[in-house]
Amino acid sequence: MSSSPLLRTPLYEEHRACEARMVPFAGWEMPVQYTSILQEVRAVRTGVGLFDITHMGRVLLRGSGAEKLLQGITTNDVASLAPGRAHYSLLTNPQG
């Protein structure tokens, strides 16, 4: 029985460049650790951290009204996106 190759997020090459230890996770090759856990905890407490969640989902809309719809229900400026690009956003309801 052959298994499917693991999917990679858009940040995969960055993770590898930072020497992340990659592991299989829900069909994706994801970083689990970079340095020691203590060093990573210290880094996010005194600086900043980034967590790659790009594997969690995507929305694909097509049609002439897609941009207008997304502009009305997301918290980011959809019109500023270049074709093929994405950004992290919230999907809202009429009450926000």
N, C-alpha and C. Protein backbone atom coordinates (compact mmCIF):
# COMPACT_ATOMS: atom_id res chain seq x y z
N MET A 1 0.84 -1.16 0.00
CA MET A 1 0.00 0.00 0.00
C MET A 1 0.90 1.24 0.00
N SER A 2 0.69 2.16 -0.96
CA SER A 2 1.49 3.37 -1.00
C SER A 2 0.72 4.52 -0.37
N SER A 3 1.45 5.38 0.31
CA SER A 3 0.79 6.52 0.93
C SER A 3 1.02 7.76 0.06
N SER A 4 0.11 8.69 0.15
CA SER A 4 0.22 9.93 -0.61
C SER A 4 1.35 10.77 -0.04
N PRO A 5 2.02 11.54 -0.88
CA PRO A 5 3.07 12.43 -0.36
C PRO A 5 2.45 13.50 0.54
N LEU A 6 3.21 13.93 1.52
CA LEU A 6 2.71 14.96 2.43
C LEU A 6 2.61 16.30 1.72
N LEU A 7 1.58 17.04 2.04
CA LEU A 7 1.41 18.39 1.50
C LEU A 7 2.33 19.35 2.25
N ARG A 8 2.65 20.46 1.60
CA ARG A 8 3.52 21.46 2.22
C ARG A 8 2.84 22.82 2.19
N THR A 9 2.99 23.56 3.27
CA THR A 9 2.39 24.89 3.34
C THR A 9 3.25 25.88 2.55
N PRO A 10 2.72 27.08 2.27
CA PRO A 10 3.52 28.09 1.59
C PRO A 10 4.77 28.50 2.37
N LEU A 11 4.80 28.24 3.66
CA LEU A 11 5.96 28.58 4.49
C LEU A 11 6.96 27.44 4.65
N TYR A 12 6.76 26.36 3.93
CA TYR A 12 7.61 25.17 4.08
C TYR A 12 9.10 25.51 3.94
N GLU A 13 9.45 26.23 2.89
CA GLU A 13 10.88 26.54 2.65
C GLU A 13 11.45 27.40 3.77
N GLU A 14 10.64 28.30 4.33
CA GLU A 14 11.10 29.10 5.47
C GLU A 14 11.35 28.22 6.68
N HIS A 15 10.45 27.28 6.93
CA HIS A 15 10.64 26.36 8.05
C HIS A 15 11.95 25.59 7.89
N ARG A 16 12.19 25.09 6.68
CA ARG A 16 13.42 24.33 6.43
C ARG A 16 14.66 25.23 6.59
N ALA A 17 14.57 26.45 6.08
CA ALA A 17 15.70 27.38 6.20
C ALA A 17 16.02 27.69 7.66
N CYS A 18 15.01 27.63 8.51
CA CYS A 18 15.19 27.86 9.95
C CYS A 18 15.50 26.57 10.70
N GLU A 19 15.76 25.50 9.96
CA GLU A 19 16.14 24.19 10.50
C GLU A 19 15.07 23.59 11.41
N ALA A 20 13.82 23.76 11.02
CA ALA A 20 12.72 23.16 11.79
C ALA A 20 12.76 21.64 11.69
N ARG A 21 12.35 20.99 12.76
CA ARG A 21 12.14 19.55 12.71
C ARG A 21 10.72 19.35 12.20
N MET A 22 10.60 18.73 11.03
CA MET A 22 9.31 18.57 10.37
C MET A 22 8.72 17.19 10.69
N VAL A 23 7.40 17.16 10.89
CA VAL A 23 6.71 15.91 11.19
C VAL A 23 5.42 15.83 10.38
N PRO A 24 4.94 14.61 10.12
CA PRO A 24 3.64 14.47 9.46
C PRO A 24 2.51 14.89 10.40
N PHE A 25 1.57 15.66 9.88
CA PHE A 25 0.42 16.08 10.68
C PHE A 25 -0.79 16.23 9.76
N ALA A 26 -1.74 15.33 9.89
CA ALA A 26 -2.99 15.39 9.12
C ALA A 26 -2.75 15.53 7.62
N GLY A 27 -1.74 14.82 7.13
CA GLY A 27 -1.46 14.84 5.70
C GLY A 27 -0.52 15.95 5.26
N TRP A 28 -0.04 16.73 6.20
CA TRP A 28 0.86 17.85 5.90
C TRP A 28 2.21 17.62 6.57
N GLU A 29 3.24 18.18 6.01
CA GLU A 29 4.56 18.18 6.64
C GLU A 29 4.69 19.49 7.39
N MET A 30 4.65 19.41 8.73
CA MET A 30 4.57 20.61 9.56
C MET A 30 5.74 20.69 10.53
N PRO A 31 6.14 21.92 10.90
CA PRO A 31 7.22 22.09 11.87
C PRO A 31 6.72 21.80 13.28
N VAL A 32 7.52 21.11 14.04
CA VAL A 32 7.14 20.83 15.42
C VAL A 32 8.10 21.50 16.40
N GLN A 33 9.32 21.77 15.95
CA GLN A 33 10.30 22.37 16.85
C GLN A 33 11.43 22.96 16.02
N TYR A 34 12.01 24.06 16.51
CA TYR A 34 13.15 24.69 15.85
C TYR A 34 14.41 24.54 16.69
N THR A 35 14.40 25.11 17.86
CA THR A 35 15.54 24.98 18.78
C THR A 35 15.07 24.13 19.95
N SER A 36 15.45 24.49 21.14
CA SER A 36 14.90 23.77 22.30
C SER A 36 13.57 24.41 22.69
N ILE A 37 12.74 23.65 23.36
CA ILE A 37 11.44 24.18 23.78
C ILE A 37 11.64 25.39 24.69
N LEU A 38 12.59 25.33 25.59
CA LEU A 38 12.84 26.46 26.49
C LEU A 38 13.26 27.70 25.73
N GLN A 39 14.11 27.55 24.72
CA GLN A 39 14.52 28.70 23.90
C GLN A 39 13.33 29.28 23.15
N GLU A 40 12.46 28.42 22.66
CA GLU A 40 11.29 28.90 21.92
C GLU A 40 10.31 29.63 22.85
N VAL A 41 10.09 29.10 24.04
CA VAL A 41 9.22 29.77 25.01
C VAL A 41 9.79 31.14 25.36
N ARG A 42 11.08 31.20 25.62
CA ARG A 42 11.73 32.47 25.94
C ARG A 42 11.57 33.47 24.79
N ALA A 43 11.73 32.98 23.57
CA ALA A 43 11.62 33.86 22.40
C ALA A 43 10.24 34.49 22.29
N VAL A 44 9.19 33.69 22.49
CA VAL A 44 7.84 34.26 22.35
C VAL A 44 7.43 35.10 23.56
N ARG A 45 8.07 34.89 24.68
CA ARG A 45 7.75 35.72 25.85
C ARG A 45 8.48 37.06 25.80
N THR A 46 9.61 37.11 25.15
CA THR A 46 10.39 38.34 25.11
C THR A 46 10.37 39.01 23.74
N GLY A 47 9.86 38.33 22.74
CA GLY A 47 9.85 38.88 21.39
C GLY A 47 8.53 38.59 20.71
N VAL A 48 8.61 37.74 19.71
CA VAL A 48 7.42 37.43 18.93
C VAL A 48 7.53 36.00 18.41
N GLY A 49 6.39 35.38 18.13
CA GLY A 49 6.37 34.03 17.57
C GLY A 49 5.42 33.98 16.39
N LEU A 50 5.59 32.99 15.57
CA LEU A 50 4.75 32.79 14.40
C LEU A 50 4.33 31.33 14.37
N PHE A 51 3.06 31.09 14.14
CA PHE A 51 2.55 29.72 14.06
C PHE A 51 1.88 29.55 12.72
N ASP A 52 2.35 28.62 11.93
CA ASP A 52 1.84 28.38 10.58
C ASP A 52 0.55 27.58 10.65
N ILE A 53 -0.56 28.23 10.32
CA ILE A 53 -1.85 27.54 10.31
C ILE A 53 -2.43 27.49 8.90
N THR A 54 -1.59 27.68 7.90
CA THR A 54 -2.08 27.72 6.53
C THR A 54 -2.67 26.40 6.07
N HIS A 55 -2.37 25.33 6.78
CA HIS A 55 -2.93 24.03 6.42
C HIS A 55 -4.37 23.86 6.89
N MET A 56 -4.87 24.78 7.67
CA MET A 56 -6.17 24.60 8.32
C MET A 56 -7.38 24.82 7.42
N GLY A 57 -7.21 25.48 6.35
CA GLY A 57 -8.37 25.66 5.47
C GLY A 57 -8.18 26.74 4.44
N ARG A 58 -9.07 26.71 3.47
CA ARG A 58 -9.06 27.75 2.46
C ARG A 58 -10.46 27.89 1.91
N VAL A 59 -10.70 29.04 1.36
CA VAL A 59 -11.99 29.35 0.76
C VAL A 59 -11.75 29.66 -0.71
N LEU A 60 -12.50 29.03 -1.57
CA LEU A 60 -12.39 29.28 -3.00
C LEU A 60 -13.75 29.75 -3.50
N LEU A 61 -13.79 30.99 -3.94
CA LEU A 61 -15.02 31.57 -4.49
C LEU A 61 -14.77 31.94 -5.94
N ARG A 62 -15.76 31.74 -6.76
CA ARG A 62 -15.64 32.09 -8.17
C ARG A 62 -16.85 32.93 -8.56
N GLY A 63 -16.68 33.70 -9.61
CA GLY A 63 -17.80 34.46 -10.14
C GLY A 63 -17.59 35.95 -10.01
N SER A 64 -18.40 36.69 -10.71
CA SER A 64 -18.23 38.14 -10.77
C SER A 64 -18.48 38.83 -9.43
N GLY A 65 -19.21 38.22 -8.53
CA GLY A 65 -19.49 38.84 -7.24
C GLY A 65 -18.62 38.37 -6.10
N ALA A 66 -17.62 37.53 -6.39
CA ALA A 66 -16.80 36.93 -5.32
C ALA A 66 -16.05 37.98 -4.51
N GLU A 67 -15.39 38.92 -5.20
CA GLU A 67 -14.61 39.93 -4.47
C GLU A 67 -15.51 40.79 -3.60
N LYS A 68 -16.64 41.21 -4.12
CA LYS A 68 -17.58 42.04 -3.35
C LYS A 68 -18.09 41.29 -2.13
N LEU A 69 -18.42 40.02 -2.30
CA LEU A 69 -18.88 39.21 -1.17
C LEU A 69 -17.81 39.14 -0.09
N LEU A 70 -16.58 38.77 -0.47
CA LEU A 70 -15.51 38.66 0.52
C LEU A 70 -15.20 40.00 1.17
N GLN A 71 -15.25 41.08 0.39
CA GLN A 71 -14.98 42.40 0.95
C GLN A 71 -15.99 42.72 2.05
N GLY A 72 -17.20 42.22 1.91
CA GLY A 72 -18.24 42.50 2.89
C GLY A 72 -18.24 41.60 4.11
N ILE A 73 -17.61 40.44 4.03
CA ILE A 73 -17.68 39.51 5.17
C ILE A 73 -16.35 39.25 5.85
N THR A 74 -15.25 39.82 5.32
CA THR A 74 -13.95 39.62 5.97
C THR A 74 -13.48 40.91 6.62
N THR A 75 -12.50 40.80 7.49
CA THR A 75 -11.97 41.96 8.21
C THR A 75 -10.79 42.60 7.51
N ASN A 76 -10.34 42.04 6.41
CA ASN A 76 -9.22 42.60 5.65
C ASN A 76 -9.70 43.17 4.33
N ASP A 77 -8.81 43.90 3.67
CA ASP A 77 -9.12 44.52 2.38
C ASP A 77 -8.84 43.52 1.26
N VAL A 78 -9.86 42.80 0.85
CA VAL A 78 -9.73 41.78 -0.19
C VAL A 78 -9.30 42.41 -1.51
N ALA A 79 -9.76 43.61 -1.80
CA ALA A 79 -9.44 44.27 -3.06
C ALA A 79 -7.94 44.53 -3.21
N SER A 80 -7.20 44.57 -2.11
CA SER A 80 -5.76 44.84 -2.18
C SER A 80 -4.93 43.60 -2.52
N LEU A 81 -5.56 42.43 -2.54
CA LEU A 81 -4.83 41.19 -2.81
C LEU A 81 -4.50 41.04 -4.29
N ALA A 82 -3.28 40.62 -4.57
CA ALA A 82 -2.90 40.28 -5.95
C ALA A 82 -3.49 38.91 -6.28
N PRO A 83 -3.74 38.64 -7.55
CA PRO A 83 -4.26 37.32 -7.93
C PRO A 83 -3.35 36.19 -7.41
N GLY A 84 -3.96 35.16 -6.87
CA GLY A 84 -3.22 34.02 -6.36
C GLY A 84 -2.65 34.21 -4.97
N ARG A 85 -2.89 35.35 -4.36
CA ARG A 85 -2.37 35.62 -3.01
C ARG A 85 -3.49 35.47 -1.99
N ALA A 86 -3.11 35.42 -0.73
CA ALA A 86 -4.09 35.25 0.34
C ALA A 86 -3.63 36.00 1.57
N HIS A 87 -4.53 36.18 2.51
CA HIS A 87 -4.16 36.69 3.82
C HIS A 87 -5.10 36.13 4.87
N TYR A 88 -4.60 36.10 6.08
CA TYR A 88 -5.35 35.59 7.21
C TYR A 88 -6.43 36.61 7.57
N SER A 89 -7.62 36.16 7.76
CA SER A 89 -8.71 37.07 8.05
C SER A 89 -9.78 36.36 8.86
N LEU A 90 -10.73 37.14 9.31
CA LEU A 90 -11.90 36.60 9.99
C LEU A 90 -13.09 36.71 9.06
N LEU A 91 -13.96 35.72 9.11
CA LEU A 91 -15.23 35.78 8.39
C LEU A 91 -16.28 36.23 9.40
N THR A 92 -16.98 37.30 9.08
CA THR A 92 -17.93 37.87 10.02
C THR A 92 -19.37 37.67 9.56
N ASN A 93 -20.30 37.94 10.46
CA ASN A 93 -21.72 37.92 10.12
C ASN A 93 -22.21 39.37 10.12
N PRO A 94 -23.47 39.63 9.82
CA PRO A 94 -23.95 41.02 9.78
C PRO A 94 -23.74 41.80 11.09
N GLN A 95 -23.64 41.12 12.20
CA GLN A 95 -23.40 41.80 13.47
C GLN A 95 -21.91 41.99 13.76
N GLY A 96 -21.07 41.56 12.84
CA GLY A 96 -19.64 41.70 13.02
C GLY A 96 -18.99 40.47 13.53
